[in-house]
Amino acid sequence: MARMEHRTLGRTGREVSVVGLGTWQLGADWGEVSETDARAVLEASAEAGVTFYDTADVYGDGRSEQVVGQFLADHADAGFTVATKMGRRAEQVPSSYVEAHFREWLDRSRRNLGVDTIDLVQLHCPPSEVIEDDATYDVLDRLVDEGVIAAYGVSVETCAQALSAIARPHLASVQIILNAFRTKPLDEVLPAAAAAGVGIIARVPLASGLLSGKYDLDTTFAADDHRTYNRDGSAFDVGETFSGVDYATGVEAAQEFSALVADSGLDVTPAQAAIAWIWQQPGVSTVIPGARNTDQAAANAAAGLVDALPASFLDGVRELYDRRIREQVHGRW
């Protein structure tokens, strides 16, 4: 079987698969996923060649970290890289992002993951003031020196936040929304990261499922699914739900995206084309689609084997974005 390409994840120095696995779905906010099903998704991803797993301390209040930790223990010699995130367990104000809280959160995450040193911890979309504060990085550097974490990064909402973080000398990675409906990071963020040796972890690759082409205007989601309760941004940044695109526009644009895949003669699903489009962008280290079942996990990982996408398809994605999406999202994030 062909092996998925691996790339160095910025200043972590670790080689990771270009398609990883995001585990938000395995913790909460996407409808119910049993622990058995969550473990099956992890195993299917590993079988398909995934070596990078992204979680957070708030996904199911630690449930996702615990499931990932058990999985990690059973594959101790596999060379997997696990990244978690911290900061959303407290009020989203700069005063929450202090050393005492960092240590408390990281001790909990280390217990959940069953590790002494966390491979990569990311601040979880903190306020801009935290990203801009020298004190933030002083604490993170101490935690690296002490072996609590091996490396640190920042998960961001905006390109401006990403550029601020990339300027920090010891930052390992930036996690940012990047997909065919959110292309702004291509303009400045990816080139800046590449120049600085900072890894890029691309999240929300399918625009919360829109780019799979499987939704229509009548599709409904569970009450505990963020695609139901966060469409207005009342729970967290609206850009995390459908990439900030209004649902009707997103459905129509996704249908056009699916047609573009077919017209380009690509022998892949729209979701696989969307994932391949991301990891084939210069500067991307890994892309982290989520999965609710083993079939999704295997299909997502297979997108890491897609040949170079043709220029006609790439041009078509850009034209679709400019015509249908840009006005809604480009200036906001």
C-alpha atoms as a PDB file:
ATOM      1  CA  MET A   1       0.000   0.000   0.000  1.00  0.00           C
ATOM      2  CA  ALA A   2       1.270   3.480  -0.825  1.00  0.00           C
ATOM      3  CA  ARG A   3       2.490   5.473   2.151  1.00  0.00           C
ATOM      4  CA  MET A   4       1.065   8.888   2.817  1.00  0.00           C
ATOM      5  CA  GLU A   5       3.516  11.754   2.555  1.00  0.00           C
ATOM      6  CA  HIS A   6       4.995  13.006   5.826  1.00  0.00           C
ATOM      7  CA  ARG A   7       6.188  16.531   6.573  1.00  0.00           C
ATOM      8  CA  THR A   8       8.069  18.136   9.430  1.00  0.00           C
ATOM      9  CA  LEU A   9       5.661  19.875  11.801  1.00  0.00           C
ATOM     10  CA  GLY A  10       7.457  23.190  12.154  1.00  0.00           C
ATOM     11  CA  ARG A  11       9.776  23.584  15.112  1.00  0.00           C
ATOM     12  CA  THR A  12       8.542  20.388  16.752  1.00  0.00           C
ATOM     13  CA  GLY A  13      10.954  18.614  14.407  1.00  0.00           C
ATOM     14  CA  ARG A  14       8.481  15.725  14.256  1.00  0.00           C
ATOM     15  CA  GLU A  15       7.451  14.061  11.008  1.00  0.00           C
ATOM     16  CA  VAL A  16       3.661  13.803  10.682  1.00  0.00           C
ATOM     17  CA  SER A  17       1.248  12.521   8.056  1.00  0.00           C
ATOM     18  CA  VAL A  18      -0.130  15.212   5.741  1.00  0.00           C
ATOM     19  CA  VAL A  19      -3.620  14.085   6.748  1.00  0.00           C
ATOM     20  CA  GLY A  20      -4.077  13.792  10.493  1.00  0.00           C
ATOM     21  CA  LEU A  21      -7.187  13.334  12.599  1.00  0.00           C
ATOM     22  CA  GLY A  22      -9.079  16.002  14.503  1.00  0.00           C
ATOM     23  CA  THR A  23     -10.889  14.533  17.485  1.00  0.00           C
ATOM     24  CA  TRP A  24     -13.469  17.213  18.336  1.00  0.00           C
ATOM     25  CA  GLN A  25     -16.132  14.826  17.019  1.00  0.00           C
ATOM     26  CA  LEU A  26     -14.983  12.163  19.463  1.00  0.00           C
ATOM     27  CA  GLY A  27     -15.567  14.388  22.469  1.00  0.00           C
ATOM     28  CA  ALA A  28     -18.602  16.614  21.974  1.00  0.00           C
ATOM     29  CA  ASP A  29     -20.528  19.142  19.888  1.00  0.00           C
ATOM     30  CA  TRP A  30     -21.201  16.880  16.886  1.00  0.00           C
ATOM     31  CA  GLY A  31     -23.938  14.643  18.282  1.00  0.00           C
ATOM     32  CA  GLU A  32     -23.324  11.501  20.296  1.00  0.00           C
ATOM     33  CA  VAL A  33     -20.343   9.281  19.480  1.00  0.00           C
ATOM     34  CA  SER A  34     -19.829   6.286  21.774  1.00  0.00           C
ATOM     35  CA  GLU A  35     -16.441   5.517  23.289  1.00  0.00           C
ATOM     36  CA  THR A  36     -16.341   2.281  21.285  1.00  0.00           C
ATOM     37  CA  ASP A  37     -16.990   4.152  18.056  1.00  0.00           C
ATOM     38  CA  ALA A  38     -14.442   6.822  18.990  1.00  0.00           C
ATOM     39  CA  ARG A  39     -11.769   4.182  19.532  1.00  0.00           C
ATOM     40  CA  ALA A  40     -12.686   2.515  16.238  1.00  0.00           C
ATOM     41  CA  VAL A  41     -12.196   5.823  14.416  1.00  0.00           C
ATOM     42  CA  LEU A  42      -8.727   6.197  15.926  1.00  0.00           C
ATOM     43  CA  GLU A  43      -7.758   2.654  14.962  1.00  0.00           C
ATOM     44  CA  ALA A  44      -9.075   3.066  11.401  1.00  0.00           C
ATOM     45  CA  SER A  45      -7.108   6.277  10.993  1.00  0.00           C
ATOM     46  CA  ALA A  46      -3.916   4.623  12.201  1.00  0.00           C
ATOM     47  CA  GLU A  47      -4.471   1.665   9.887  1.00  0.00           C
ATOM     48  CA  ALA A  48      -4.821   4.117   6.995  1.00  0.00           C
ATOM     49  CA  GLY A  49      -1.498   5.793   7.789  1.00  0.00           C
ATOM     50  CA  VAL A  50      -2.439   8.727  10.027  1.00  0.00           C
ATOM     51  CA  THR A  51       0.273   9.595  12.546  1.00  0.00           C
ATOM     52  CA  PHE A  52      -0.931  12.991  13.861  1.00  0.00           C
ATOM     53  CA  TYR A  53      -3.835  13.373  16.305  1.00  0.00           C
ATOM     54  CA  ASP A  54      -5.237  16.691  17.496  1.00  0.00           C
ATOM     55  CA  THR A  55      -7.406  17.005  20.602  1.00  0.00           C
ATOM     56  CA  ALA A  56      -8.237  19.562  23.315  1.00  0.00           C
ATOM     57  CA  ASP A  57      -8.956  19.570  27.022  1.00  0.00           C
ATOM     58  CA  VAL A  58     -12.517  20.823  26.457  1.00  0.00           C
ATOM     59  CA  TYR A  59     -13.625  18.196  23.931  1.00  0.00           C
ATOM     60  CA  GLY A  60     -16.150  16.365  26.048  1.00  0.00           C
ATOM     61  CA  ASP A  61     -14.523  17.917  29.151  1.00  0.00           C
ATOM     62  CA  GLY A  62     -11.475  15.700  28.709  1.00  0.00           C
ATOM     63  CA  ARG A  63     -13.233  12.666  27.212  1.00  0.00           C
ATOM     64  CA  SER A  64     -11.471  13.040  23.867  1.00  0.00           C
ATOM     65  CA  GLU A  65      -8.057  13.322  25.533  1.00  0.00           C
ATOM     66  CA  GLN A  66      -8.758  10.202  27.596  1.00  0.00           C
ATOM     67  CA  VAL A  67      -9.775   8.130  24.569  1.00  0.00           C
ATOM     68  CA  VAL A  68      -6.730   9.358  22.663  1.00  0.00           C
ATOM     69  CA  GLY A  69      -4.544   8.586  25.686  1.00  0.00           C
ATOM     70  CA  GLN A  70      -5.767   4.986  25.870  1.00  0.00           C
ATOM     71  CA  PHE A  71      -5.189   4.616  22.141  1.00  0.00           C
ATOM     72  CA  LEU A  72      -1.695   6.095  22.490  1.00  0.00           C
ATOM     73  CA  ALA A  73      -0.825   3.660  25.275  1.00  0.00           C
ATOM     74  CA  ASP A  74      -1.816   0.728  23.067  1.00  0.00           C
ATOM     75  CA  HIS A  75       0.438   2.014  20.277  1.00  0.00           C
ATOM     76  CA  ALA A  76       3.371   3.161  22.373  1.00  0.00           C
ATOM     77  CA  ASP A  77       5.993   2.342  19.734  1.00  0.00           C
ATOM     78  CA  ALA A  78       4.103   3.688  16.712  1.00  0.00           C
ATOM     79  CA  GLY A  79       5.722   7.124  16.715  1.00  0.00           C
ATOM     80  CA  PHE A  80       2.440   9.005  16.791  1.00  0.00           C
ATOM     81  CA  THR A  81       2.350  12.727  17.543  1.00  0.00           C
ATOM     82  CA  VAL A  82      -0.474  14.002  19.745  1.00  0.00           C
ATOM     83  CA  ALA A  83      -1.304  17.671  20.089  1.00  0.00           C
ATOM     84  CA  THR A  84      -3.762  19.059  22.590  1.00  0.00           C
ATOM     85  CA  LYS A  85      -5.061  22.534  23.328  1.00  0.00           C
ATOM     86  CA  MET A  86      -5.658  24.548  26.476  1.00  0.00           C
ATOM     87  CA  GLY A  87      -7.373  27.746  27.533  1.00  0.00           C
ATOM     88  CA  ARG A  88     -11.074  27.265  26.907  1.00  0.00           C
ATOM     89  CA  ARG A  89     -11.782  25.922  30.382  1.00  0.00           C
ATOM     90  CA  ALA A  90     -11.792  29.465  31.738  1.00  0.00           C
ATOM     91  CA  GLU A  91     -13.392  32.791  30.945  1.00  0.00           C
ATOM     92  CA  GLN A  92     -12.005  34.134  27.689  1.00  0.00           C
ATOM     93  CA  VAL A  93     -10.144  37.126  29.089  1.00  0.00           C
ATOM     94  CA  PRO A  94      -6.380  37.721  29.193  1.00  0.00           C
ATOM     95  CA  SER A  95      -6.250  37.255  32.972  1.00  0.00           C
ATOM     96  CA  SER A  96      -7.210  33.591  32.520  1.00  0.00           C
ATOM     97  CA  TYR A  97      -4.040  32.904  30.571  1.00  0.00           C
ATOM     98  CA  VAL A  98      -1.559  32.884  33.447  1.00  0.00           C
ATOM     99  CA  GLU A  99       1.099  30.449  34.604  1.00  0.00           C
ATOM    100  CA  ALA A 100      -0.907  28.896  37.438  1.00  0.00           C
ATOM    101  CA  HIS A 101      -3.737  28.049  35.047  1.00  0.00           C
ATOM    102  CA  PHE A 102      -1.346  26.752  32.393  1.00  0.00           C
ATOM    103  CA  ARG A 103       0.158  24.345  34.906  1.00  0.00           C
ATOM    104  CA  GLU A 104      -3.236  23.245  36.202  1.00  0.00           C
ATOM    105  CA  TRP A 105      -4.585  22.638  32.703  1.00  0.00           C
ATOM    106  CA  LEU A 106      -1.468  20.818  31.536  1.00  0.00           C
ATOM    107  CA  ASP A 107      -1.347  18.556  34.593  1.00  0.00           C
ATOM    108  CA  ARG A 108      -4.919  17.519  33.816  1.00  0.00           C
ATOM    109  CA  SER A 109      -4.139  16.949  30.133  1.00  0.00           C
ATOM    110  CA  ARG A 110      -1.058  14.889  30.968  1.00  0.00           C
ATOM    111  CA  ARG A 111      -3.187  12.672  33.209  1.00  0.00           C
ATOM    112  CA  ASN A 112      -5.842  12.339  30.527  1.00  0.00           C
ATOM    113  CA  LEU A 113      -3.278  11.509  27.837  1.00  0.00           C
ATOM    114  CA  GLY A 114      -1.167   9.305  30.096  1.00  0.00           C
ATOM    115  CA  VAL A 115       2.078  11.094  29.267  1.00  0.00           C
ATOM    116  CA  ASP A 116       4.767  12.959  31.196  1.00  0.00           C
ATOM    117  CA  THR A 117       5.555  15.354  28.345  1.00  0.00           C
ATOM    118  CA  ILE A 118       2.941  16.561  25.856  1.00  0.00           C
ATOM    119  CA  ASP A 119       4.247  16.537  22.273  1.00  0.00           C
ATOM    120  CA  LEU A 120       2.579  19.830  21.360  1.00  0.00           C
ATOM    121  CA  VAL A 121       0.241  22.087  23.312  1.00  0.00           C
ATOM    122  CA  GLN A 122      -1.631  24.875  21.582  1.00  0.00           C
ATOM    123  CA  LEU A 123      -3.324  27.871  23.127  1.00  0.00           C
ATOM    124  CA  HIS A 124      -6.954  27.324  22.139  1.00  0.00           C
ATOM    125  CA  CYS A 125      -8.002  30.417  20.179  1.00  0.00           C
ATOM    126  CA  PRO A 126      -7.132  32.843  22.994  1.00  0.00           C
ATOM    127  CA  PRO A 127      -7.854  36.576  22.967  1.00  0.00           C
ATOM    128  CA  SER A 128      -5.512  38.562  20.737  1.00  0.00           C
ATOM    129  CA  GLU A 129      -3.982  40.236  23.798  1.00  0.00           C
ATOM    130  CA  VAL A 130      -2.690  36.844  24.953  1.00  0.00           C
ATOM    131  CA  ILE A 131      -1.050  36.154  21.602  1.00  0.00           C
ATOM    132  CA  GLU A 132       0.609  39.569  21.670  1.00  0.00           C
ATOM    133  CA  ASP A 133       1.871  39.361  25.278  1.00  0.00           C
ATOM    134  CA  ASP A 134       5.554  38.523  25.861  1.00  0.00           C
ATOM    135  CA  ALA A 135       4.635  36.962  29.209  1.00  0.00           C
ATOM    136  CA  THR A 136       2.638  34.243  27.458  1.00  0.00           C
ATOM    137  CA  TYR A 137       5.723  32.932  25.702  1.00  0.00           C
ATOM    138  CA  ASP A 138       7.957  33.320  28.753  1.00  0.00           C
ATOM    139  CA  VAL A 139       5.712  30.848  30.591  1.00  0.00           C
ATOM    140  CA  LEU A 140       5.516  28.458  27.645  1.00  0.00           C
ATOM    141  CA  ASP A 141       9.300  28.515  27.295  1.00  0.00           C
ATOM    142  CA  ARG A 142       9.643  27.597  30.980  1.00  0.00           C
ATOM    143  CA  LEU A 143       7.252  24.700  30.524  1.00  0.00           C
ATOM    144  CA  VAL A 144       9.350  23.433  27.631  1.00  0.00           C
ATOM    145  CA  ASP A 145      12.528  23.760  29.712  1.00  0.00           C
ATOM    146  CA  GLU A 146      10.881  21.760  32.497  1.00  0.00           C
ATOM    147  CA  GLY A 147       9.755  18.984  30.148  1.00  0.00           C
ATOM    148  CA  VAL A 148       6.048  19.524  30.767  1.00  0.00           C
ATOM    149  CA  ILE A 149       5.603  20.131  27.040  1.00  0.00           C
ATOM    150  CA  ALA A 150       7.951  19.405  24.150  1.00  0.00           C
ATOM    151  CA  ALA A 151       6.712  22.280  22.000  1.00  0.00           C
ATOM    152  CA  TYR A 152       3.960  24.871  21.808  1.00  0.00           C
ATOM    153  CA  GLY A 153       1.791  26.530  19.231  1.00  0.00           C
ATOM    154  CA  VAL A 154      -1.293  28.683  18.942  1.00  0.00           C
ATOM    155  CA  SER A 155      -4.675  27.891  17.457  1.00  0.00           C
ATOM    156  CA  VAL A 156      -6.113  31.102  16.035  1.00  0.00           C
ATOM    157  CA  GLU A 157      -9.271  32.529  14.537  1.00  0.00           C
ATOM    158  CA  THR A 158      -7.770  35.304  12.399  1.00  0.00           C
ATOM    159  CA  CYS A 159      -4.886  35.737  10.007  1.00  0.00           C
ATOM    160  CA  ALA A 160      -3.716  38.745  12.021  1.00  0.00           C
ATOM    161  CA  GLN A 161      -3.412  36.559  15.123  1.00  0.00           C
ATOM    162  CA  ALA A 162      -1.487  33.971  13.129  1.00  0.00           C
ATOM    163  CA  LEU A 163       1.006  36.524  11.854  1.00  0.00           C
ATOM    164  CA  SER A 164       1.546  37.867  15.372  1.00  0.00           C
ATOM    165  CA  ALA A 165       2.256  34.384  16.714  1.00  0.00           C
ATOM    166  CA  ILE A 166       4.531  33.409  13.823  1.00  0.00           C
ATOM    167  CA  ALA A 167       6.842  36.273  14.764  1.00  0.00           C
ATOM    168  CA  ARG A 168       7.671  34.539  18.081  1.00  0.00           C
ATOM    169  CA  PRO A 169      11.078  32.831  17.962  1.00  0.00           C
ATOM    170  CA  HIS A 170      10.156  29.538  19.640  1.00  0.00           C
ATOM    171  CA  LEU A 171       6.641  29.027  18.310  1.00  0.00           C
ATOM    172  CA  ALA A 172       6.359  25.571  16.731  1.00  0.00           C
ATOM    173  CA  SER A 173       3.021  25.740  14.936  1.00  0.00           C
ATOM    174  CA  VAL A 174      -0.119  27.664  14.091  1.00  0.00           C
ATOM    175  CA  GLN A 175      -3.478  25.988  13.725  1.00  0.00           C
ATOM    176  CA  ILE A 176      -5.903  27.893  11.502  1.00  0.00           C
ATOM    177  CA  ILE A 177      -9.069  27.356   9.496  1.00  0.00           C
ATOM    178  CA  LEU A 178      -8.110  26.729   5.884  1.00  0.00           C
ATOM    179  CA  ASN A 179     -10.350  25.257   3.227  1.00  0.00           C
ATOM    180  CA  ALA A 180     -11.814  26.037  -0.183  1.00  0.00           C
ATOM    181  CA  PHE A 181     -14.286  28.402   1.543  1.00  0.00           C
ATOM    182  CA  ARG A 182     -11.598  30.069   3.725  1.00  0.00           C
ATOM    183  CA  THR A 183      -8.596  30.814   1.545  1.00  0.00           C
ATOM    184  CA  LYS A 184      -7.274  34.003   3.133  1.00  0.00           C
ATOM    185  CA  PRO A 185      -4.392  32.208   4.951  1.00  0.00           C
ATOM    186  CA  LEU A 186      -2.860  31.519   1.537  1.00  0.00           C
ATOM    187  CA  ASP A 187      -2.169  35.220   1.047  1.00  0.00           C
ATOM    188  CA  GLU A 188       0.213  35.963   3.930  1.00  0.00           C
ATOM    189  CA  VAL A 189       0.020  33.370   6.699  1.00  0.00           C
ATOM    190  CA  LEU A 190       1.362  30.336   4.856  1.00  0.00           C
ATOM    191  CA  PRO A 191       4.302  32.207   3.275  1.00  0.00           C
ATOM    192  CA  ALA A 192       5.199  33.795   6.641  1.00  0.00           C
ATOM    193  CA  ALA A 193       5.040  30.452   8.427  1.00  0.00           C
ATOM    194  CA  ALA A 194       7.190  28.767   5.819  1.00  0.00           C
ATOM    195  CA  ALA A 195       9.793  31.518   6.029  1.00  0.00           C
ATOM    196  CA  ALA A 196       9.900  31.251   9.830  1.00  0.00           C
ATOM    197  CA  GLY A 197       9.948  27.455  10.004  1.00  0.00           C
ATOM    198  CA  VAL A 198       6.549  27.363  11.728  1.00  0.00           C
ATOM    199  CA  GLY A 199       4.221  24.462  11.026  1.00  0.00           C
ATOM    200  CA  ILE A 200       0.676  24.958   9.762  1.00  0.00           C
ATOM    201  CA  ILE A 201      -2.109  22.707  11.036  1.00  0.00           C
ATOM    202  CA  ALA A 202      -5.207  23.253   8.878  1.00  0.00           C
ATOM    203  CA  ARG A 203      -8.517  22.712  10.617  1.00  0.00           C
ATOM    204  CA  VAL A 204     -12.195  22.712   9.528  1.00  0.00           C
ATOM    205  CA  PRO A 205     -11.131  21.318   6.130  1.00  0.00           C
ATOM    206  CA  LEU A 206     -14.654  20.471   4.996  1.00  0.00           C
ATOM    207  CA  ALA A 207     -16.309  23.654   6.295  1.00  0.00           C
ATOM    208  CA  SER A 208     -18.145  21.589   8.938  1.00  0.00           C
ATOM    209  CA  GLY A 209     -19.117  19.030   6.301  1.00  0.00           C
ATOM    210  CA  LEU A 210     -20.403  21.411   3.640  1.00  0.00           C
ATOM    211  CA  LEU A 211     -17.635  20.520   1.200  1.00  0.00           C
ATOM    212  CA  SER A 212     -18.622  16.860   1.298  1.00  0.00           C
ATOM    213  CA  GLY A 213     -21.489  17.914  -0.954  1.00  0.00           C
ATOM    214  CA  LYS A 214     -23.904  15.766   1.046  1.00  0.00           C
ATOM    215  CA  TYR A 215     -26.041  18.517   2.594  1.00  0.00           C
ATOM    216  CA  ASP A 216     -29.034  20.329   1.189  1.00  0.00           C
ATOM    217  CA  LEU A 217     -31.298  23.076   2.486  1.00  0.00           C
ATOM    218  CA  ASP A 218     -33.438  20.498   4.309  1.00  0.00           C
ATOM    219  CA  THR A 219     -30.556  18.793   6.152  1.00  0.00           C
ATOM    220  CA  THR A 220     -30.929  18.959   9.933  1.00  0.00           C
ATOM    221  CA  PHE A 221     -28.402  18.319  12.683  1.00  0.00           C
ATOM    222  CA  ALA A 222     -28.778  17.138  16.267  1.00  0.00           C
ATOM    223  CA  ALA A 223     -29.612  19.693  18.944  1.00  0.00           C
ATOM    224  CA  ASP A 224     -26.209  19.099  20.594  1.00  0.00           C
ATOM    225  CA  ASP A 225     -24.376  19.575  17.269  1.00  0.00           C
ATOM    226  CA  HIS A 226     -22.697  22.978  16.875  1.00  0.00           C
ATOM    227  CA  ARG A 227     -24.061  23.109  13.326  1.00  0.00           C
ATOM    228  CA  THR A 228     -27.434  23.601  14.987  1.00  0.00           C
ATOM    229  CA  TYR A 229     -26.683  25.758  18.014  1.00  0.00           C
ATOM    230  CA  ASN A 230     -23.740  27.903  16.875  1.00  0.00           C
ATOM    231  CA  ARG A 231     -24.910  29.192  13.509  1.00  0.00           C
ATOM    232  CA  ASP A 232     -25.239  32.634  15.069  1.00  0.00           C
ATOM    233  CA  GLY A 233     -21.907  32.411  16.911  1.00  0.00           C
ATOM    234  CA  SER A 234     -23.572  32.441  20.322  1.00  0.00           C
ATOM    235  CA  ALA A 235     -21.425  29.596  21.733  1.00  0.00           C
ATOM    236  CA  PHE A 236     -18.051  30.350  20.137  1.00  0.00           C
ATOM    237  CA  ASP A 237     -16.619  32.076  17.077  1.00  0.00           C
ATOM    238  CA  VAL A 238     -19.097  31.634  14.229  1.00  0.00           C
ATOM    239  CA  GLY A 239     -16.180  31.030  11.887  1.00  0.00           C
ATOM    240  CA  GLU A 240     -15.857  27.537  13.381  1.00  0.00           C
ATOM    241  CA  THR A 241     -19.322  26.595  12.086  1.00  0.00           C
ATOM    242  CA  PHE A 242     -19.574  26.215   8.296  1.00  0.00           C
ATOM    243  CA  SER A 243     -16.432  28.411   8.158  1.00  0.00           C
ATOM    244  CA  GLY A 244     -18.613  31.439   8.815  1.00  0.00           C
ATOM    245  CA  VAL A 245     -20.508  31.050   5.539  1.00  0.00           C
ATOM    246  CA  ASP A 246     -24.282  31.293   5.821  1.00  0.00           C
ATOM    247  CA  TYR A 247     -25.789  27.854   5.373  1.00  0.00           C
ATOM    248  CA  ALA A 248     -27.815  28.491   2.219  1.00  0.00           C
ATOM    249  CA  THR A 249     -24.872  30.050   0.400  1.00  0.00           C
ATOM    250  CA  GLY A 250     -22.631  27.262   1.621  1.00  0.00           C
ATOM    251  CA  VAL A 251     -24.922  24.528   0.324  1.00  0.00           C
ATOM    252  CA  GLU A 252     -25.151  26.131  -3.102  1.00  0.00           C
ATOM    253  CA  ALA A 253     -21.413  26.756  -3.315  1.00  0.00           C
ATOM    254  CA  ALA A 254     -20.699  23.195  -2.160  1.00  0.00           C
ATOM    255  CA  GLN A 255     -22.859  21.859  -4.991  1.00  0.00           C
ATOM    256  CA  GLU A 256     -20.742  23.873  -7.390  1.00  0.00           C
ATOM    257  CA  PHE A 257     -17.589  22.516  -5.752  1.00  0.00           C
ATOM    258  CA  SER A 258     -18.851  18.951  -6.251  1.00  0.00           C
ATOM    259  CA  ALA A 259     -19.574  19.701  -9.911  1.00  0.00           C
ATOM    260  CA  LEU A 260     -16.065  21.120 -10.272  1.00  0.00           C
ATOM    261  CA  VAL A 261     -14.593  17.886  -8.927  1.00  0.00           C
ATOM    262  CA  ALA A 262     -16.601  15.873 -11.439  1.00  0.00           C
ATOM    263  CA  ASP A 263     -15.857  18.194 -14.355  1.00  0.00           C
ATOM    264  CA  SER A 264     -12.138  18.010 -13.568  1.00  0.00           C
ATOM    265  CA  GLY A 265     -12.221  14.248 -14.031  1.00  0.00           C
ATOM    266  CA  LEU A 266     -10.990  13.576 -10.506  1.00  0.00           C
ATOM    267  CA  ASP A 267     -11.577  10.023  -9.308  1.00  0.00           C
ATOM    268  CA  VAL A 268     -12.166  11.119  -5.725  1.00  0.00           C
ATOM    269  CA  THR A 269     -15.093  12.289  -3.630  1.00  0.00           C
ATOM    270  CA  PRO A 270     -15.683  16.013  -3.096  1.00  0.00           C
ATOM    271  CA  ALA A 271     -14.520  15.609   0.519  1.00  0.00           C
ATOM    272  CA  GLN A 272     -11.274  13.971  -0.591  1.00  0.00           C
ATOM    273  CA  ALA A 273     -10.688  16.689  -3.173  1.00  0.00           C
ATOM    274  CA  ALA A 274     -11.270  19.341  -0.496  1.00  0.00           C
ATOM    275  CA  ILE A 275      -8.753  17.709   1.862  1.00  0.00           C
ATOM    276  CA  ALA A 276      -6.184  17.189  -0.896  1.00  0.00           C
ATOM    277  CA  TRP A 277      -6.561  20.820  -1.972  1.00  0.00           C
ATOM    278  CA  ILE A 278      -5.434  21.857   1.509  1.00  0.00           C
ATOM    279  CA  TRP A 279      -2.441  19.604   2.092  1.00  0.00           C
ATOM    280  CA  GLN A 280      -1.144  20.333  -1.389  1.00  0.00           C
ATOM    281  CA  GLN A 281      -0.846  24.033  -0.562  1.00  0.00           C
ATOM    282  CA  PRO A 282       2.810  25.050   0.005  1.00  0.00           C
ATOM    283  CA  GLY A 283       3.458  25.568   3.707  1.00  0.00           C
ATOM    284  CA  VAL A 284       0.779  23.248   5.102  1.00  0.00           C
ATOM    285  CA  SER A 285       2.186  20.628   7.477  1.00  0.00           C
ATOM    286  CA  THR A 286      -0.953  18.605   8.092  1.00  0.00           C
ATOM    287  CA  VAL A 287      -4.731  18.886   7.759  1.00  0.00           C
ATOM    288  CA  ILE A 288      -7.003  17.491  10.476  1.00  0.00           C
ATOM    289  CA  PRO A 289     -10.426  16.382   9.293  1.00  0.00           C
ATOM    290  CA  GLY A 290     -12.633  14.815  11.922  1.00  0.00           C
ATOM    291  CA  ALA A 291     -14.569  11.591  11.542  1.00  0.00           C
ATOM    292  CA  ARG A 292     -17.608  10.110  13.253  1.00  0.00           C
ATOM    293  CA  ASN A 293     -17.157   6.575  11.904  1.00  0.00           C
ATOM    294  CA  THR A 294     -14.505   4.295  10.449  1.00  0.00           C
ATOM    295  CA  ASP A 295     -15.583   4.774   6.840  1.00  0.00           C
ATOM    296  CA  GLN A 296     -15.113   8.535   7.131  1.00  0.00           C
ATOM    297  CA  ALA A 297     -11.760   8.052   8.826  1.00  0.00           C
ATOM    298  CA  ALA A 298     -10.461   5.768   6.075  1.00  0.00           C
ATOM    299  CA  ALA A 299     -11.807   7.964   3.269  1.00  0.00           C
ATOM    300  CA  ASN A 300     -10.277  11.099   4.785  1.00  0.00           C
ATOM    301  CA  ALA A 301      -6.892   9.441   5.159  1.00  0.00           C
ATOM    302  CA  ALA A 302      -7.052   8.248   1.545  1.00  0.00           C
ATOM    303  CA  ALA A 303      -7.141  11.915   0.535  1.00  0.00           C
ATOM    304  CA  GLY A 304      -3.503  12.000   1.600  1.00  0.00           C
ATOM    305  CA  LEU A 305      -2.679   9.793  -1.390  1.00  0.00           C
ATOM    306  CA  VAL A 306      -4.357  11.958  -4.039  1.00  0.00           C
ATOM    307  CA  ASP A 307      -2.095  12.930  -6.930  1.00  0.00           C
ATOM    308  CA  ALA A 308      -1.317  16.584  -7.601  1.00  0.00           C
ATOM    309  CA  LEU A 309      -4.572  18.345  -8.406  1.00  0.00           C
ATOM    310  CA  PRO A 310      -4.767  19.841 -11.914  1.00  0.00           C
ATOM    311  CA  ALA A 311      -4.378  23.566 -12.452  1.00  0.00           C
ATOM    312  CA  SER A 312      -7.878  23.741 -13.918  1.00  0.00           C
ATOM    313  CA  PHE A 313      -9.323  22.512 -10.629  1.00  0.00           C
ATOM    314  CA  LEU A 314      -7.202  24.885  -8.553  1.00  0.00           C
ATOM    315  CA  ASP A 315      -8.283  27.786 -10.757  1.00  0.00           C
ATOM    316  CA  GLY A 316     -11.897  26.694 -10.412  1.00  0.00           C
ATOM    317  CA  VAL A 317     -11.699  26.660  -6.616  1.00  0.00           C
ATOM    318  CA  ARG A 318     -10.307  30.189  -6.604  1.00  0.00           C
ATOM    319  CA  GLU A 319     -13.018  31.412  -8.989  1.00  0.00           C
ATOM    320  CA  LEU A 320     -15.764  29.811  -6.904  1.00  0.00           C
ATOM    321  CA  TYR A 321     -14.397  31.393  -3.728  1.00  0.00           C
ATOM    322  CA  ASP A 322     -14.096  34.821  -5.298  1.00  0.00           C
ATOM    323  CA  ARG A 323     -17.595  34.693  -6.766  1.00  0.00           C
ATOM    324  CA  ARG A 324     -19.609  33.063  -3.962  1.00  0.00           C
ATOM    325  CA  ILE A 325     -17.705  33.199  -0.678  1.00  0.00           C
ATOM    326  CA  ARG A 326     -15.111  35.972  -0.474  1.00  0.00           C
ATOM    327  CA  GLU A 327     -17.534  38.786   0.356  1.00  0.00           C
ATOM    328  CA  GLN A 328     -18.886  36.909   3.389  1.00  0.00           C
ATOM    329  CA  VAL A 329     -15.654  35.803   5.048  1.00  0.00           C
ATOM    330  CA  HIS A 330     -12.472  37.342   3.675  1.00  0.00           C
ATOM    331  CA  GLY A 331     -12.607  40.551   5.658  1.00  0.00           C
ATOM    332  CA  ARG A 332     -13.692  38.942   8.931  1.00  0.00           C
ATOM    333  CA  TRP A 333     -10.922  36.463   9.677  1.00  0.00           C
END
